[in-house]
Amino acid sequence: MAETNPIIDKLFAAGAHFGYAPSRRHPSTSPYLFGVKGGVELFDLEQTAHLLEEARTFVKALAAERKTILFIGGKAEARERITRAALRLAQPYVAGRWIGGSLTNWGEIKKRLGRLEELSTMREKGELAKFTKLERLLIDREIADLDLMFGGLRGLTKLPDALFVADPRKESGAVAEANQLKIPVIALMNSDCDRSKIQYPIPANDASRETLSIVLDELTKTYADHVPAAPATTA
């Protein structure tokens, strides 16, 4: 009896094999599909598992050099999981609307992040007391607005070395910017996505919370297991 692949079993149980209707299929995903059931196309999970392993190999290499992965997923079913995965690895994330130019206009974004840090530090140190009540109110609003737009990028000092994207069709702006800058993209992508824009595709049901959780768990565990230990500090 042939051995079963545990990851395929997990993906199947999560419904990772369900794509969209044939009318929504992007031609580039055809090689990953093997049939139709109930009006939706089905992914070949053996290929999905193989490509997930290729993505894990890439993540191992990133971890070994302490490279930065920017996690992106703005749709409702992805936000919490994207945030949790990024925080687990102390990596940046965007779990809301992608702000155009976040990569291609990095110099300006870096200034906005610097402003957020400056104001936040002033507030934490109690240095806003010297301002009037109205001025403090305006500063608090500015901090809130900057944090809403860029809070997940705090601590990012340079362009990321790679992206992980949940649903690259929805996050097409981020993918386009990464492609322009030649930043590799790992993506959980459904049958309506353009595979040609993704360097490390993981073809599966990107609308499934359970599928996204499995993929993120595999990748974050891989990164955590292969990142070098921080050097010991001397007194």
Protein backbone atom coordinates (compact mmCIF):
# COMPACT_ATOMS: atom_id res chain seq x y z
CA MET A 1 0.00 0.00 0.00
CA ALA A 2 1.36 3.41 -0.96
CA GLU A 3 2.12 5.78 1.89
CA THR A 4 -0.19 8.74 2.25
CA ASN A 5 1.15 12.26 2.54
CA PRO A 6 -0.11 13.78 5.83
CA ILE A 7 -0.13 17.30 4.39
CA ILE A 8 -2.37 16.17 1.51
CA ASP A 9 -4.76 14.63 4.02
CA LYS A 10 -4.84 17.88 6.00
CA LEU A 11 -5.39 19.97 2.89
CA PHE A 12 -8.17 17.68 1.68
CA ALA A 13 -9.93 17.83 5.06
CA ALA A 14 -9.74 21.64 4.89
CA GLY A 15 -11.33 21.75 1.44
CA ALA A 16 -8.16 23.05 -0.18
CA HIS A 17 -8.99 21.18 -3.38
CA PHE A 18 -12.02 23.32 -4.22
CA GLY A 19 -11.38 25.99 -6.84
CA TYR A 20 -13.92 28.18 -8.59
CA ALA A 21 -16.29 27.57 -11.49
CA PRO A 22 -14.60 26.87 -14.84
CA SER A 23 -15.79 30.26 -16.13
CA ARG A 24 -13.58 32.00 -13.54
CA ARG A 25 -10.44 30.02 -14.27
CA HIS A 26 -7.27 31.86 -15.22
CA PRO A 27 -5.61 29.83 -18.00
CA SER A 28 -2.30 29.71 -16.12
CA THR A 29 -3.82 27.56 -13.36
CA SER A 30 -5.00 24.82 -15.72
CA PRO A 31 -2.02 22.52 -15.03
CA TYR A 32 -2.95 22.36 -11.34
CA LEU A 33 -6.57 21.27 -11.94
CA PHE A 34 -7.83 17.79 -12.69
CA GLY A 35 -11.62 17.86 -12.83
CA VAL A 36 -14.93 19.44 -11.94
CA LYS A 37 -17.36 18.53 -9.16
CA GLY A 38 -20.54 20.32 -8.23
CA GLY A 39 -19.78 23.13 -10.66
CA VAL A 40 -16.33 23.93 -9.24
CA GLU A 41 -12.91 22.87 -10.46
CA LEU A 42 -10.71 20.70 -8.28
CA PHE A 43 -7.03 21.17 -7.53
CA ASP A 44 -4.61 18.27 -7.74
CA LEU A 45 -3.43 18.27 -4.12
CA GLU A 46 -0.34 16.23 -4.95
CA GLN A 47 0.87 19.20 -6.97
CA THR A 48 -0.21 21.57 -4.23
CA ALA A 49 1.79 19.63 -1.65
CA HIS A 50 4.83 19.56 -3.94
CA LEU A 51 4.68 23.32 -4.52
CA LEU A 52 4.15 23.97 -0.82
CA GLU A 53 7.35 22.03 -0.20
CA GLU A 54 9.16 24.21 -2.76
CA ALA A 55 7.89 27.28 -0.93
CA ARG A 56 9.14 25.81 2.37
CA THR A 57 12.58 25.28 0.85
CA PHE A 58 12.66 28.93 -0.19
CA VAL A 59 11.53 30.02 3.29
CA LYS A 60 14.33 27.92 4.84
CA ALA A 61 16.85 29.88 2.78
CA LEU A 62 15.27 33.18 3.81
CA ALA A 63 15.32 32.18 7.48
CA ALA A 64 18.97 31.08 7.36
CA GLU A 65 19.94 34.64 6.41
CA ARG A 66 17.35 36.34 8.63
CA LYS A 67 15.61 37.76 5.57
CA THR A 68 12.34 39.67 5.86
CA ILE A 69 8.99 38.33 4.63
CA LEU A 70 6.11 40.78 4.27
CA PHE A 71 2.80 38.99 4.91
CA ILE A 72 -0.19 40.36 2.99
CA GLY A 73 -3.86 39.44 3.19
CA GLY A 74 -6.56 42.06 3.32
CA LYS A 75 -9.76 40.07 2.82
CA ALA A 76 -11.83 39.28 5.88
CA GLU A 77 -11.03 35.57 6.07
CA ALA A 78 -7.28 36.25 5.91
CA ARG A 79 -6.66 39.24 8.16
CA GLU A 80 -6.47 37.56 11.55
CA ARG A 81 -4.36 34.66 10.29
CA ILE A 82 -1.96 36.90 8.38
CA THR A 83 -1.48 39.09 11.45
CA ARG A 84 -0.93 36.13 13.75
CA ALA A 85 1.61 34.51 11.42
CA ALA A 86 3.60 37.73 10.99
CA LEU A 87 3.64 38.49 14.71
CA ARG A 88 4.80 34.95 15.44
CA LEU A 89 7.93 35.64 13.41
CA ALA A 90 8.25 39.35 14.24
CA GLN A 91 7.76 40.09 10.54
CA PRO A 92 5.88 42.98 8.88
CA TYR A 93 2.35 42.59 7.57
CA VAL A 94 -0.53 44.28 5.79
CA ALA A 95 -3.86 42.91 6.98
CA GLY A 96 -6.03 45.57 5.42
CA ARG A 97 -6.13 47.69 2.29
CA TRP A 98 -2.87 47.77 0.35
CA ILE A 99 -1.57 51.34 0.12
CA GLY A 100 -0.33 51.89 -3.42
CA GLY A 101 3.38 52.65 -3.52
CA SER A 102 4.17 50.82 -0.27
CA LEU A 103 7.03 49.13 -2.14
CA THR A 104 7.69 51.23 -5.23
CA ASN A 105 7.55 54.50 -3.27
CA TRP A 106 9.35 53.08 -0.25
CA GLY A 107 11.22 56.31 0.51
CA GLU A 108 7.96 58.13 1.22
CA ILE A 109 6.50 55.21 3.20
CA LYS A 110 9.67 55.12 5.30
CA LYS A 111 9.14 58.80 6.15
CA ARG A 112 5.56 58.07 7.24
CA LEU A 113 6.78 55.22 9.43
CA GLY A 114 9.39 57.51 10.92
CA ARG A 115 6.68 60.04 11.72
CA LEU A 116 4.57 57.34 13.37
CA GLU A 117 7.51 56.26 15.54
CA GLU A 118 8.37 59.84 16.45
CA LEU A 119 4.86 60.74 17.58
CA SER A 120 4.30 57.42 19.34
CA THR A 121 7.54 57.80 21.28
CA MET A 122 6.65 61.34 22.29
CA ARG A 123 3.29 60.17 23.59
CA GLU A 124 4.81 57.23 25.48
CA LYS A 125 7.31 59.53 27.18
CA GLY A 126 4.62 62.02 28.15
CA GLU A 127 6.13 64.71 25.94
CA LEU A 128 2.76 65.74 24.52
CA ALA A 129 1.88 67.55 27.74
CA LYS A 130 3.54 70.70 26.40
CA PHE A 131 0.94 70.95 23.64
CA THR A 132 -2.56 72.36 23.94
CA LYS A 133 -5.53 70.05 24.30
CA LEU A 134 -6.47 70.62 20.65
CA GLU A 135 -2.92 69.96 19.48
CA ARG A 136 -2.82 66.73 21.48
CA LEU A 137 -6.12 65.68 19.95
CA LEU A 138 -4.79 66.30 16.44
CA ILE A 139 -1.59 64.38 17.19
CA ASP A 140 -3.60 61.44 18.57
CA ARG A 141 -5.66 61.42 15.39
CA GLU A 142 -2.51 61.50 13.25
CA ILE A 143 -1.05 58.57 15.18
CA ALA A 144 -4.29 56.61 14.77
CA ASP A 145 -4.44 57.30 11.02
CA LEU A 146 -0.79 56.37 10.46
CA ASP A 147 -1.14 53.23 12.57
CA LEU A 148 -4.23 52.17 10.64
CA MET A 149 -2.43 52.53 7.31
CA PHE A 150 1.09 51.46 8.22
CA GLY A 151 1.00 49.89 11.69
CA GLY A 152 1.89 46.40 10.43
CA LEU A 153 5.02 47.80 8.76
CA ARG A 154 6.48 49.26 11.96
CA GLY A 155 10.04 48.13 12.39
CA LEU A 156 10.56 47.67 8.64
CA THR A 157 13.68 49.64 7.74
CA LYS A 158 14.16 48.49 4.13
CA LEU A 159 12.26 46.76 1.37
CA PRO A 160 11.26 43.19 2.25
CA ASP A 161 13.16 40.27 0.76
CA ALA A 162 9.99 38.35 -0.12
CA LEU A 163 6.20 38.55 0.08
CA PHE A 164 3.65 36.02 1.21
CA VAL A 165 0.27 36.85 -0.30
CA ALA A 166 -3.14 35.34 0.39
CA ASP A 167 -5.15 35.69 -2.85
CA PRO A 168 -2.81 37.46 -5.31
CA ARG A 169 -5.77 38.43 -7.49
CA LYS A 170 -7.21 40.58 -4.72
CA GLU A 171 -3.73 41.80 -3.78
CA SER A 172 -2.75 42.49 -7.40
CA GLY A 173 -1.34 45.91 -6.50
CA ALA A 174 1.15 44.45 -4.04
CA VAL A 175 2.09 41.66 -6.46
CA ALA A 176 2.64 44.15 -9.31
CA GLU A 177 4.92 46.29 -7.16
CA ALA A 178 6.89 43.24 -6.03
CA ASN A 179 7.26 42.06 -9.65
CA GLN A 180 8.47 45.52 -10.67
CA LEU A 181 11.14 45.44 -7.96
CA LYS A 182 11.96 41.75 -8.51
CA ILE A 183 10.91 40.80 -4.98
CA PRO A 184 9.92 37.09 -4.95
CA VAL A 185 6.27 36.33 -4.15
CA ILE A 186 4.95 33.25 -2.35
CA ALA A 187 1.19 33.03 -2.77
CA LEU A 188 -1.77 30.90 -1.82
CA MET A 189 -3.73 31.26 -5.04
CA ASN A 190 -7.09 30.04 -6.29
CA SER A 191 -8.00 29.09 -9.84
CA ASP A 192 -8.77 32.70 -10.81
CA CYS A 193 -5.21 33.93 -10.18
CA ASP A 194 -2.38 34.58 -12.64
CA ARG A 195 0.35 32.11 -11.86
CA SER A 196 2.86 33.89 -14.13
CA LYS A 197 3.22 36.70 -11.59
CA ILE A 198 4.01 34.36 -8.69
CA GLN A 199 7.45 32.87 -8.14
CA TYR A 200 6.33 30.34 -5.52
CA PRO A 201 2.66 29.46 -6.16
CA ILE A 202 0.64 27.30 -3.77
CA PRO A 203 -2.50 26.48 -5.80
CA ALA A 204 -5.44 25.82 -3.48
CA ASN A 205 -8.63 27.31 -2.10
CA ASP A 206 -7.54 30.76 -0.94
CA ALA A 207 -11.06 31.50 0.34
CA SER A 208 -10.76 28.76 2.98
CA ARG A 209 -9.62 29.92 6.42
CA GLU A 210 -8.54 26.38 7.26
CA THR A 211 -6.43 26.06 4.11
CA LEU A 212 -4.73 29.39 4.78
CA SER A 213 -4.05 28.31 8.37
CA ILE A 214 -2.38 25.09 7.20
CA VAL A 215 -0.20 26.88 4.66
CA LEU A 216 0.80 29.63 7.10
CA ASP A 217 1.52 27.10 9.86
CA GLU A 218 3.82 25.17 7.53
CA LEU A 219 5.70 28.26 6.40
CA THR A 220 5.99 29.99 9.77
CA LYS A 221 7.16 26.83 11.49
CA THR A 222 9.74 26.34 8.75
CA TYR A 223 11.04 29.89 9.21
CA ALA A 224 11.09 29.64 13.01
CA ASP A 225 12.92 26.30 12.90
CA HIS A 226 15.67 27.55 10.57
CA VAL A 227 16.37 31.11 11.70
CA PRO A 228 19.75 31.25 13.46
CA ALA A 229 19.77 31.89 17.18
CA ALA A 230 20.52 35.46 18.14
CA PRO A 231 24.16 35.95 19.16
CA ALA A 232 24.74 36.05 22.89
CA THR A 233 25.30 39.51 24.30
CA THR A 234 28.23 40.24 26.55
CA ALA A 235 28.00 42.37 29.62
